[in-house]
Amino acid sequence: MDELPDPVRRRLDEVFGDVLPATTSDEREDRPDSGDGDAELLANRPPHHDQD
């Protein structure tokens, strides 16, 4: 497959984003602190969650 010209490649990346990133989110250093996960989930739970 032929390489696309740079302007076309940039436009495709702008529209569709990075389809296959070079690294996964768990391999990156910039991921959020895992200690905040429960607090965020509890703060954003749906209103019907507490109904029995």
PDB file of N, CA and C in Angstrom:
ATOM      1  N   MET A   1       0.845  -1.186   0.000  1.00  0.00           N
ATOM      2  CA  MET A   1       0.000   0.000   0.000  1.00  0.00           C
ATOM      3  C   MET A   1       0.888   1.246   0.000  1.00  0.00           C
ATOM      4  N   ASP A   2       0.578   2.193  -0.838  1.00  0.00           N
ATOM      5  CA  ASP A   2       1.372   3.418  -0.948  1.00  0.00           C
ATOM      6  C   ASP A   2       1.117   4.318   0.258  1.00  0.00           C
ATOM      7  N   GLU A   3       2.149   5.021   0.656  1.00  0.00           N
ATOM      8  CA  GLU A   3       2.019   5.995   1.740  1.00  0.00           C
ATOM      9  C   GLU A   3       1.205   7.189   1.252  1.00  0.00           C
ATOM     10  N   LEU A   4       0.392   7.720   2.132  1.00  0.00           N
ATOM     11  CA  LEU A   4      -0.410   8.894   1.794  1.00  0.00           C
ATOM     12  C   LEU A   4       0.433  10.155   1.963  1.00  0.00           C
ATOM     13  N   PRO A   5       0.123  11.194   1.194  1.00  0.00           N
ATOM     14  CA  PRO A   5       0.832  12.471   1.381  1.00  0.00           C
ATOM     15  C   PRO A   5       0.583  13.015   2.792  1.00  0.00           C
ATOM     16  N   ASP A   6       1.525  13.785   3.301  1.00  0.00           N
ATOM     17  CA  ASP A   6       1.430  14.312   4.664  1.00  0.00           C
ATOM     18  C   ASP A   6       0.138  15.078   4.943  1.00  0.00           C
ATOM     19  N   PRO A   7      -0.312  15.968   4.057  1.00  0.00           N
ATOM     20  CA  PRO A   7      -1.568  16.684   4.360  1.00  0.00           C
ATOM     21  C   PRO A   7      -2.766  15.742   4.503  1.00  0.00           C
ATOM     22  N   VAL A   8      -2.801  14.715   3.679  1.00  0.00           N
ATOM     23  CA  VAL A   8      -3.908  13.748   3.756  1.00  0.00           C
ATOM     24  C   VAL A   8      -3.809  12.966   5.060  1.00  0.00           C
ATOM     25  N   ARG A   9      -2.616  12.518   5.405  1.00  0.00           N
ATOM     26  CA  ARG A   9      -2.414  11.759   6.650  1.00  0.00           C
ATOM     27  C   ARG A   9      -2.787  12.607   7.865  1.00  0.00           C
ATOM     28  N   ARG A  10      -2.385  13.884   7.877  1.00  0.00           N
ATOM     29  CA  ARG A  10      -2.722  14.760   9.002  1.00  0.00           C
ATOM     30  C   ARG A  10      -4.231  14.944   9.124  1.00  0.00           C
ATOM     31  N   ARG A  11      -4.900  15.111   7.976  1.00  0.00           N
ATOM     32  CA  ARG A  11      -6.357  15.300   7.988  1.00  0.00           C
ATOM     33  C   ARG A  11      -7.049  14.039   8.493  1.00  0.00           C
ATOM     34  N   LEU A  12      -6.614  12.885   8.062  1.00  0.00           N
ATOM     35  CA  LEU A  12      -7.190  11.623   8.548  1.00  0.00           C
ATOM     36  C   LEU A  12      -6.972  11.465  10.042  1.00  0.00           C
ATOM     37  N   ASP A  13      -5.778  11.792  10.521  1.00  0.00           N
ATOM     38  CA  ASP A  13      -5.495  11.715  11.950  1.00  0.00           C
ATOM     39  C   ASP A  13      -6.356  12.694  12.732  1.00  0.00           C
ATOM     40  N   GLU A  14      -6.588  13.882  12.164  1.00  0.00           N
ATOM     41  CA  GLU A  14      -7.412  14.888  12.820  1.00  0.00           C
ATOM     42  C   GLU A  14      -8.859  14.413  12.935  1.00  0.00           C
ATOM     43  N   VAL A  15      -9.363  13.787  11.883  1.00  0.00           N
ATOM     44  CA  VAL A  15     -10.759  13.345  11.851  1.00  0.00           C
ATOM     45  C   VAL A  15     -10.964  12.080  12.674  1.00  0.00           C
ATOM     46  N   PHE A  16     -10.113  11.088  12.488  1.00  0.00           N
ATOM     47  CA  PHE A  16     -10.334   9.790  13.099  1.00  0.00           C
ATOM     48  C   PHE A  16      -9.508   9.528  14.344  1.00  0.00           C
ATOM     49  N   GLY A  17      -8.535  10.352  14.617  1.00  0.00           N
ATOM     50  CA  GLY A  17      -7.700  10.146  15.791  1.00  0.00           C
ATOM     51  C   GLY A  17      -6.673   9.057  15.571  1.00  0.00           C
ATOM     52  N   ASP A  18      -6.039   8.673  16.643  1.00  0.00           N
ATOM     53  CA  ASP A  18      -4.997   7.655  16.599  1.00  0.00           C
ATOM     54  C   ASP A  18      -5.663   6.293  16.753  1.00  0.00           C
ATOM     55  N   VAL A  19      -5.829   5.570  15.668  1.00  0.00           N
ATOM     56  CA  VAL A  19      -6.544   4.304  15.685  1.00  0.00           C
ATOM     57  C   VAL A  19      -5.769   3.244  16.455  1.00  0.00           C
ATOM     58  N   LEU A  20      -4.510   3.113  16.173  1.00  0.00           N
ATOM     59  CA  LEU A  20      -3.675   2.133  16.857  1.00  0.00           C
ATOM     60  C   LEU A  20      -2.478   2.846  17.479  1.00  0.00           C
ATOM     61  N   PRO A  21      -2.595   3.265  18.742  1.00  0.00           N
ATOM     62  CA  PRO A  21      -1.478   3.974  19.369  1.00  0.00           C
ATOM     63  C   PRO A  21      -0.264   3.058  19.521  1.00  0.00           C
ATOM     64  N   ALA A  22       0.900   3.668  19.618  1.00  0.00           N
ATOM     65  CA  ALA A  22       2.141   2.908  19.757  1.00  0.00           C
ATOM     66  C   ALA A  22       2.215   2.210  21.109  1.00  0.00           C
ATOM     67  N   THR A  23       1.607   2.804  22.136  1.00  0.00           N
ATOM     68  CA  THR A  23       1.594   2.193  23.458  1.00  0.00           C
ATOM     69  C   THR A  23       0.170   2.189  23.997  1.00  0.00           C
ATOM     70  N   THR A  24      -0.106   1.271  24.900  1.00  0.00           N
ATOM     71  CA  THR A  24      -1.424   1.234  25.521  1.00  0.00           C
ATOM     72  C   THR A  24      -1.428   2.144  26.739  1.00  0.00           C
ATOM     73  N   SER A  25      -2.624   2.463  27.241  1.00  0.00           N
ATOM     74  CA  SER A  25      -2.722   3.413  28.349  1.00  0.00           C
ATOM     75  C   SER A  25      -2.024   2.916  29.613  1.00  0.00           C
ATOM     76  N   ASP A  26      -1.963   1.609  29.832  1.00  0.00           N
ATOM     77  CA  ASP A  26      -1.295   1.105  31.033  1.00  0.00           C
ATOM     78  C   ASP A  26       0.232   1.120  30.903  1.00  0.00           C
ATOM     79  N   GLU A  27       0.744   1.362  29.713  1.00  0.00           N
ATOM     80  CA  GLU A  27       2.193   1.459  29.518  1.00  0.00           C
ATOM     81  C   GLU A  27       2.703   2.890  29.646  1.00  0.00           C
ATOM     82  N   ARG A  28       1.804   3.860  29.664  1.00  0.00           N
ATOM     83  CA  ARG A  28       2.201   5.258  29.690  1.00  0.00           C
ATOM     84  C   ARG A  28       2.398   5.750  31.120  1.00  0.00           C
ATOM     85  N   GLU A  29       3.287   6.701  31.270  1.00  0.00           N
ATOM     86  CA  GLU A  29       3.576   7.289  32.571  1.00  0.00           C
ATOM     87  C   GLU A  29       2.555   8.339  32.977  1.00  0.00           C
ATOM     88  N   ASP A  30       1.789   8.868  32.014  1.00  0.00           N
ATOM     89  CA  ASP A  30       0.873   9.976  32.296  1.00  0.00           C
ATOM     90  C   ASP A  30      -0.521   9.522  32.726  1.00  0.00           C
ATOM     91  N   ARG A  31      -0.682   8.274  33.088  1.00  0.00           N
ATOM     92  CA  ARG A  31      -2.011   7.799  33.494  1.00  0.00           C
ATOM     93  C   ARG A  31      -2.358   8.321  34.888  1.00  0.00           C
ATOM     94  N   PRO A  32      -3.650   8.476  35.175  1.00  0.00           N
ATOM     95  CA  PRO A  32      -4.061   9.022  36.479  1.00  0.00           C
ATOM     96  C   PRO A  32      -3.717   8.086  37.637  1.00  0.00           C
ATOM     97  N   ASP A  33      -3.636   8.667  38.811  1.00  0.00           N
ATOM     98  CA  ASP A  33      -3.342   7.901  40.012  1.00  0.00           C
ATOM     99  C   ASP A  33      -4.485   6.933  40.293  1.00  0.00           C
ATOM    100  N   SER A  34      -4.182   5.663  40.516  1.00  0.00           N
ATOM    101  CA  SER A  34      -5.220   4.654  40.707  1.00  0.00           C
ATOM    102  C   SER A  34      -5.943   4.807  42.045  1.00  0.00           C
ATOM    103  N   GLY A  35      -5.430   5.592  42.984  1.00  0.00           N
ATOM    104  CA  GLY A  35      -6.077   5.783  44.270  1.00  0.00           C
ATOM    105  C   GLY A  35      -7.354   6.592  44.198  1.00  0.00           C
ATOM    106  N   ASP A  36      -7.546   7.339  43.117  1.00  0.00           N
ATOM    107  CA  ASP A  36      -8.731   8.186  42.961  1.00  0.00           C
ATOM    108  C   ASP A  36      -9.911   7.441  42.352  1.00  0.00           C
ATOM    109  N   GLY A  37      -9.722   6.230  41.890  1.00  0.00           N
ATOM    110  CA  GLY A  37     -10.743   5.503  41.151  1.00  0.00           C
ATOM    111  C   GLY A  37     -12.042   5.314  41.896  1.00  0.00           C
ATOM    112  N   ASP A  38     -12.004   4.846  43.127  1.00  0.00           N
ATOM    113  CA  ASP A  38     -13.231   4.599  43.878  1.00  0.00           C
ATOM    114  C   ASP A  38     -13.988   5.883  44.170  1.00  0.00           C
ATOM    115  N   ALA A  39     -13.294   6.921  44.542  1.00  0.00           N
ATOM    116  CA  ALA A  39     -13.955   8.192  44.848  1.00  0.00           C
ATOM    117  C   ALA A  39     -14.656   8.739  43.606  1.00  0.00           C
ATOM    118  N   GLU A  40     -14.009   8.630  42.473  1.00  0.00           N
ATOM    119  CA  GLU A  40     -14.613   9.111  41.235  1.00  0.00           C
ATOM    120  C   GLU A  40     -15.837   8.280  40.862  1.00  0.00           C
ATOM    121  N   LEU A  41     -15.742   6.978  41.005  1.00  0.00           N
ATOM    122  CA  LEU A  41     -16.884   6.118  40.699  1.00  0.00           C
ATOM    123  C   LEU A  41     -18.057   6.386  41.631  1.00  0.00           C
ATOM    124  N   LEU A  42     -17.794   6.554  42.903  1.00  0.00           N
ATOM    125  CA  LEU A  42     -18.869   6.825  43.859  1.00  0.00           C
ATOM    126  C   LEU A  42     -19.501   8.187  43.612  1.00  0.00           C
ATOM    127  N   ALA A  43     -18.719   9.170  43.240  1.00  0.00           N
ATOM    128  CA  ALA A  43     -19.245  10.501  42.992  1.00  0.00           C
ATOM    129  C   ALA A  43     -20.090  10.545  41.719  1.00  0.00           C
ATOM    130  N   ASN A  44     -19.825   9.656  40.782  1.00  0.00           N
ATOM    131  CA  ASN A  44     -20.514   9.678  39.487  1.00  0.00           C
ATOM    132  C   ASN A  44     -21.486   8.521  39.302  1.00  0.00           C
ATOM    133  N   ARG A  45     -21.931   7.906  40.382  1.00  0.00           N
ATOM    134  CA  ARG A  45     -22.869   6.783  40.234  1.00  0.00           C
ATOM    135  C   ARG A  45     -24.261   7.300  39.857  1.00  0.00           C
ATOM    136  N   PRO A  46     -25.029   6.502  39.139  1.00  0.00           N
ATOM    137  CA  PRO A  46     -26.352   6.949  38.706  1.00  0.00           C
ATOM    138  C   PRO A  46     -27.313   7.074  39.872  1.00  0.00           C
ATOM    139  N   PRO A  47     -28.361   7.916  39.751  1.00  0.00           N
ATOM    140  CA  PRO A  47     -29.296   8.143  40.846  1.00  0.00           C
ATOM    141  C   PRO A  47     -30.032   6.870  41.292  1.00  0.00           C
ATOM    142  N   HIS A  48     -30.283   5.962  40.396  1.00  0.00           N
ATOM    143  CA  HIS A  48     -31.028   4.750  40.770  1.00  0.00           C
ATOM    144  C   HIS A  48     -30.155   3.717  41.488  1.00  0.00           C
ATOM    145  N   HIS A  49     -28.865   3.980  41.621  1.00  0.00           N
ATOM    146  CA  HIS A  49     -27.944   3.028  42.224  1.00  0.00           C
ATOM    147  C   HIS A  49     -28.300   2.710  43.694  1.00  0.00           C
ATOM    148  N   ASP A  50     -28.754   3.698  44.447  1.00  0.00           N
ATOM    149  CA  ASP A  50     -29.039   3.508  45.868  1.00  0.00           C
ATOM    150  C   ASP A  50     -30.421   2.927  46.133  1.00  0.00           C
ATOM    151  N   GLN A  51     -31.238   2.733  45.112  1.00  0.00           N
ATOM    152  CA  GLN A  51     -32.575   2.189  45.314  1.00  0.00           C
ATOM    153  C   GLN A  51     -32.516   0.666  45.374  1.00  0.00           C
ATOM    154  N   ASP A  52     -33.261   0.109  46.312  1.00  0.00           N
ATOM    155  CA  ASP A  52     -33.314  -1.356  46.433  1.00  0.00           C
ATOM    156  C   ASP A  52     -34.618  -1.902  45.953  1.00  0.00           C
TER     157      ASP A  52
END
